[in-house]
Each structure stands twice: as C-alpha cells, then as structure tokens.
Amino acid sequence: MIIINKVVLVGRCTKDPELRFTAGSGTAVATFTLAVDRGFKNKDGQKEADFINIVVWNKSAENCANYLRKGSLAAVAGRIQTRNYEGNDGQKRY
C-alpha cells in the first residue's frame, strides 16, 4: 500500500506573509494564510472559503515575503501537516 500526502491549493493571501529566521541555523521561514474558495455556495447562496495556514521554508520563504501581498493570488503545492501545542491558558491549539 502506498500512502500519498500531496495537496495543491489556489487562493488569496489574507495578509502579507511574515518572514522570520530560525535561531540556530538562520533558515528562512514564511507564514501566511490562504483563503481557498469552496466549489459550491451555501444554502443562502453565498460563497464560502477555507482559511489554510501555510508555512514555507528556505528560498521559497524569501520569495513569498518579497512577492506576495494581501489579496495576491497564490498556488501552493505541498503536503498537509497538522501541528498542535498547549497555550498559556492550558488549552490545546491547532
């Protein structure tokens, strides 16, 4: 059995990407949220969107920070990975 974890998303940036560098190696990492329209309308006839958190590494992160802005149309190809942590209030966050 082969398990594949690959996704392609096309949507608009909800804000400018945030570029940071890791403390140890100085690797570039950019984060932003992509609003991806659903392929149908809800019962009220309105379009809905999913808001997907995106993390990009290395030179691609620098390119995202340089060229993407709020409202930019972007295509992302990669894999899905969920992360979670416990906040200061003791609640689990995803």
N, C-alpha and C. Protein backbone atom coordinates (compact mmCIF):
# COMPACT_ATOMS: atom_id res chain seq x y z
N MET A 1 0.83 -1.17 0.00
CA MET A 1 0.00 0.00 0.00
C MET A 1 0.89 1.25 0.00
N ILE A 2 0.58 2.19 -0.86
CA ILE A 2 1.30 3.44 -0.93
C ILE A 2 0.41 4.54 -0.35
N ILE A 3 0.97 5.32 0.55
CA ILE A 3 0.24 6.43 1.16
C ILE A 3 0.83 7.72 0.61
N ILE A 4 -0.03 8.56 0.05
CA ILE A 4 0.43 9.81 -0.54
C ILE A 4 -0.17 10.98 0.21
N ASN A 5 0.66 11.95 0.54
CA ASN A 5 0.21 13.17 1.22
C ASN A 5 0.64 14.33 0.35
N LYS A 6 -0.19 14.70 -0.64
CA LYS A 6 0.12 15.79 -1.55
C LYS A 6 -1.13 16.62 -1.75
N VAL A 7 -0.94 17.94 -1.76
CA VAL A 7 -2.07 18.84 -1.92
C VAL A 7 -1.66 20.01 -2.81
N VAL A 8 -2.60 20.51 -3.60
CA VAL A 8 -2.41 21.72 -4.39
C VAL A 8 -3.56 22.65 -4.05
N LEU A 9 -3.23 23.87 -3.61
CA LEU A 9 -4.24 24.86 -3.23
C LEU A 9 -4.04 26.12 -4.04
N VAL A 10 -5.14 26.76 -4.43
CA VAL A 10 -5.09 28.06 -5.09
C VAL A 10 -6.06 28.96 -4.35
N GLY A 11 -5.54 30.11 -3.91
CA GLY A 11 -6.39 31.04 -3.17
C GLY A 11 -5.71 32.39 -3.05
N ARG A 12 -6.25 33.23 -2.19
CA ARG A 12 -5.73 34.57 -2.00
C ARG A 12 -5.16 34.72 -0.59
N CYS A 13 -4.05 35.46 -0.49
CA CYS A 13 -3.42 35.73 0.81
C CYS A 13 -4.32 36.65 1.62
N THR A 14 -4.51 36.32 2.89
CA THR A 14 -5.36 37.15 3.74
C THR A 14 -4.59 38.32 4.34
N LYS A 15 -3.25 38.23 4.35
CA LYS A 15 -2.39 39.32 4.81
C LYS A 15 -1.01 39.08 4.23
N ASP A 16 -0.13 40.06 4.35
CA ASP A 16 1.25 39.91 3.88
C ASP A 16 1.93 38.76 4.62
N PRO A 17 2.73 37.95 3.92
CA PRO A 17 3.47 36.88 4.60
C PRO A 17 4.42 37.44 5.65
N GLU A 18 4.62 36.69 6.72
CA GLU A 18 5.55 37.07 7.79
C GLU A 18 6.81 36.24 7.64
N LEU A 19 7.94 36.91 7.42
CA LEU A 19 9.22 36.23 7.24
C LEU A 19 10.01 36.27 8.54
N ARG A 20 10.52 35.12 8.97
CA ARG A 20 11.37 35.01 10.14
C ARG A 20 12.56 34.13 9.78
N PHE A 21 13.52 34.07 10.68
CA PHE A 21 14.68 33.19 10.51
C PHE A 21 14.85 32.38 11.78
N THR A 22 15.15 31.07 11.62
CA THR A 22 15.31 30.22 12.78
C THR A 22 16.53 30.65 13.58
N ALA A 23 16.49 30.42 14.89
CA ALA A 23 17.55 30.88 15.79
C ALA A 23 18.86 30.15 15.54
N GLY A 24 18.82 28.85 15.38
CA GLY A 24 20.06 28.08 15.26
C GLY A 24 20.78 28.27 13.94
N SER A 25 20.10 27.94 12.85
CA SER A 25 20.77 27.93 11.55
C SER A 25 20.47 29.15 10.70
N GLY A 26 19.53 29.98 11.12
CA GLY A 26 19.17 31.15 10.32
C GLY A 26 18.37 30.83 9.09
N THR A 27 17.70 29.70 9.07
CA THR A 27 16.89 29.29 7.92
C THR A 27 15.65 30.17 7.81
N ALA A 28 15.35 30.62 6.60
CA ALA A 28 14.18 31.47 6.37
C ALA A 28 12.91 30.64 6.45
N VAL A 29 11.89 31.20 7.11
CA VAL A 29 10.58 30.57 7.19
C VAL A 29 9.52 31.66 7.09
N ALA A 30 8.57 31.47 6.18
CA ALA A 30 7.48 32.44 5.99
C ALA A 30 6.17 31.76 6.33
N THR A 31 5.27 32.51 6.94
CA THR A 31 3.94 32.01 7.26
C THR A 31 2.90 32.99 6.74
N PHE A 32 1.80 32.44 6.24
CA PHE A 32 0.67 33.25 5.81
C PHE A 32 -0.56 32.36 5.75
N THR A 33 -1.71 32.98 5.60
CA THR A 33 -2.97 32.25 5.48
C THR A 33 -3.51 32.43 4.09
N LEU A 34 -3.96 31.32 3.50
CA LEU A 34 -4.51 31.32 2.16
C LEU A 34 -6.02 31.07 2.26
N ALA A 35 -6.82 31.97 1.68
CA ALA A 35 -8.27 31.80 1.64
C ALA A 35 -8.61 31.06 0.35
N VAL A 36 -9.12 29.84 0.48
CA VAL A 36 -9.42 28.99 -0.67
C VAL A 36 -10.94 28.84 -0.77
N ASP A 37 -11.51 29.33 -1.89
CA ASP A 37 -12.96 29.23 -2.08
C ASP A 37 -13.39 27.78 -2.20
N ARG A 38 -14.55 27.49 -1.64
CA ARG A 38 -15.16 26.18 -1.81
C ARG A 38 -15.83 26.14 -3.17
N GLY A 39 -16.02 24.97 -3.71
CA GLY A 39 -16.57 24.83 -5.06
C GLY A 39 -18.08 24.92 -5.14
N PHE A 40 -18.73 25.37 -4.09
CA PHE A 40 -20.19 25.45 -4.08
C PHE A 40 -20.62 26.61 -3.20
N LYS A 41 -21.89 26.96 -3.27
CA LYS A 41 -22.44 28.02 -2.43
C LYS A 41 -23.24 27.39 -1.30
N ASN A 42 -23.35 28.12 -0.18
CA ASN A 42 -24.11 27.59 0.95
C ASN A 42 -25.62 27.73 0.68
N LYS A 43 -26.43 27.36 1.65
CA LYS A 43 -27.88 27.39 1.45
C LYS A 43 -28.43 28.79 1.23
N ASP A 44 -27.67 29.82 1.64
CA ASP A 44 -28.09 31.21 1.43
C ASP A 44 -27.58 31.77 0.11
N GLY A 45 -26.89 30.93 -0.69
CA GLY A 45 -26.37 31.36 -1.98
C GLY A 45 -25.06 32.11 -1.89
N GLN A 46 -24.41 32.06 -0.72
CA GLN A 46 -23.13 32.75 -0.53
C GLN A 46 -21.96 31.78 -0.72
N LYS A 47 -20.88 32.31 -1.30
CA LYS A 47 -19.66 31.51 -1.40
C LYS A 47 -19.01 31.45 -0.03
N GLU A 48 -18.38 30.32 0.26
CA GLU A 48 -17.63 30.15 1.50
C GLU A 48 -16.19 29.84 1.16
N ALA A 49 -15.31 30.05 2.12
CA ALA A 49 -13.88 29.78 1.91
C ALA A 49 -13.32 29.06 3.13
N ASP A 50 -12.27 28.31 2.88
CA ASP A 50 -11.49 27.70 3.96
C ASP A 50 -10.21 28.52 4.10
N PHE A 51 -9.78 28.73 5.33
CA PHE A 51 -8.59 29.52 5.61
C PHE A 51 -7.49 28.56 6.07
N ILE A 52 -6.50 28.37 5.19
CA ILE A 52 -5.46 27.38 5.40
C ILE A 52 -4.16 28.08 5.79
N ASN A 53 -3.58 27.68 6.93
CA ASN A 53 -2.29 28.23 7.36
C ASN A 53 -1.18 27.57 6.55
N ILE A 54 -0.30 28.40 5.98
CA ILE A 54 0.78 27.92 5.11
C ILE A 54 2.12 28.25 5.76
N VAL A 55 3.05 27.30 5.71
CA VAL A 55 4.42 27.50 6.18
C VAL A 55 5.35 27.16 5.02
N VAL A 56 6.26 28.10 4.67
CA VAL A 56 7.18 27.92 3.55
C VAL A 56 8.60 28.10 4.07
N TRP A 57 9.54 27.30 3.58
CA TRP A 57 10.91 27.30 4.08
C TRP A 57 11.91 27.73 3.02
N ASN A 58 13.08 28.16 3.47
CA ASN A 58 14.26 28.45 2.66
C ASN A 58 14.03 29.56 1.64
N LYS A 59 14.57 29.41 0.43
CA LYS A 59 14.48 30.45 -0.59
C LYS A 59 13.03 30.71 -0.98
N SER A 60 12.20 29.70 -0.98
CA SER A 60 10.77 29.89 -1.30
C SER A 60 10.12 30.82 -0.29
N ALA A 61 10.55 30.75 0.97
CA ALA A 61 10.01 31.64 2.01
C ALA A 61 10.38 33.08 1.70
N GLU A 62 11.62 33.30 1.30
CA GLU A 62 12.06 34.65 0.96
C GLU A 62 11.30 35.18 -0.25
N ASN A 63 11.07 34.32 -1.24
CA ASN A 63 10.31 34.73 -2.43
C ASN A 63 8.87 35.09 -2.07
N CYS A 64 8.26 34.32 -1.20
CA CYS A 64 6.89 34.63 -0.76
C CYS A 64 6.85 35.99 -0.09
N ALA A 65 7.81 36.25 0.79
CA ALA A 65 7.84 37.52 1.51
C ALA A 65 8.07 38.69 0.56
N ASN A 66 8.85 38.47 -0.48
CA ASN A 66 9.16 39.55 -1.43
C ASN A 66 8.05 39.82 -2.44
N TYR A 67 7.30 38.79 -2.82
CA TYR A 67 6.38 38.95 -3.94
C TYR A 67 4.90 38.83 -3.60
N LEU A 68 4.55 38.21 -2.49
CA LEU A 68 3.13 38.07 -2.13
C LEU A 68 2.70 39.20 -1.21
N ARG A 69 1.50 39.67 -1.40
CA ARG A 69 0.89 40.69 -0.56
C ARG A 69 -0.54 40.28 -0.25
N LYS A 70 -1.17 40.96 0.68
CA LYS A 70 -2.57 40.71 0.98
C LYS A 70 -3.37 40.81 -0.32
N GLY A 71 -4.19 39.80 -0.59
CA GLY A 71 -5.01 39.77 -1.79
C GLY A 71 -4.36 39.10 -2.98
N SER A 72 -3.06 38.81 -2.90
CA SER A 72 -2.36 38.15 -4.02
C SER A 72 -2.92 36.75 -4.23
N LEU A 73 -3.09 36.39 -5.51
CA LEU A 73 -3.48 35.03 -5.86
C LEU A 73 -2.24 34.16 -5.81
N ALA A 74 -2.31 33.05 -5.11
CA ALA A 74 -1.14 32.18 -4.96
C ALA A 74 -1.56 30.72 -5.11
N ALA A 75 -0.67 29.94 -5.71
CA ALA A 75 -0.84 28.49 -5.79
C ALA A 75 0.23 27.86 -4.91
N VAL A 76 -0.17 26.89 -4.11
CA VAL A 76 0.74 26.22 -3.19
C VAL A 76 0.65 24.73 -3.44
N ALA A 77 1.79 24.08 -3.62
CA ALA A 77 1.84 22.63 -3.74
C ALA A 77 2.70 22.11 -2.60
N GLY A 78 2.23 21.10 -1.91
CA GLY A 78 3.00 20.57 -0.78
C GLY A 78 2.28 19.43 -0.11
N ARG A 79 2.48 19.31 1.19
CA ARG A 79 1.83 18.25 1.96
C ARG A 79 1.11 18.86 3.15
N ILE A 80 0.15 18.15 3.65
CA ILE A 80 -0.59 18.63 4.82
C ILE A 80 0.05 18.07 6.08
N GLN A 81 0.29 18.95 7.03
CA GLN A 81 0.82 18.55 8.32
C GLN A 81 0.09 19.38 9.37
N THR A 82 -0.52 18.72 10.34
CA THR A 82 -1.17 19.44 11.41
C THR A 82 -0.22 19.53 12.59
N ARG A 83 -0.30 20.65 13.27
CA ARG A 83 0.54 20.87 14.45
C ARG A 83 -0.37 21.25 15.60
N ASN A 84 0.06 20.94 16.81
CA ASN A 84 -0.70 21.37 17.97
C ASN A 84 0.25 21.68 19.11
N TYR A 85 -0.23 22.51 20.02
CA TYR A 85 0.55 22.88 21.20
C TYR A 85 -0.42 23.30 22.29
N GLU A 86 0.08 23.38 23.49
CA GLU A 86 -0.74 23.82 24.61
C GLU A 86 -0.44 25.29 24.90
N GLY A 87 -1.46 26.13 24.86
CA GLY A 87 -1.30 27.56 25.10
C GLY A 87 -1.06 27.88 26.56
N ASN A 88 -0.76 29.14 26.84
CA ASN A 88 -0.51 29.58 28.22
C ASN A 88 -1.72 29.36 29.11
N ASP A 89 -2.91 29.35 28.50
CA ASP A 89 -4.14 29.14 29.28
C ASP A 89 -4.47 27.67 29.49
N GLY A 90 -3.59 26.77 29.01
CA GLY A 90 -3.80 25.34 29.18
C GLY A 90 -4.65 24.70 28.09
N GLN A 91 -5.14 25.49 27.16
CA GLN A 91 -5.97 24.98 26.06
C GLN A 91 -5.09 24.43 24.94
N LYS A 92 -5.53 23.36 24.29
CA LYS A 92 -4.81 22.79 23.17
C LYS A 92 -5.15 23.59 21.92
N ARG A 93 -4.15 24.00 21.17
CA ARG A 93 -4.32 24.79 19.95
C ARG A 93 -3.80 23.99 18.76
N TYR A 94 -4.40 24.25 17.60
CA TYR A 94 -4.01 23.56 16.36
C TYR A 94 -3.56 24.55 15.33
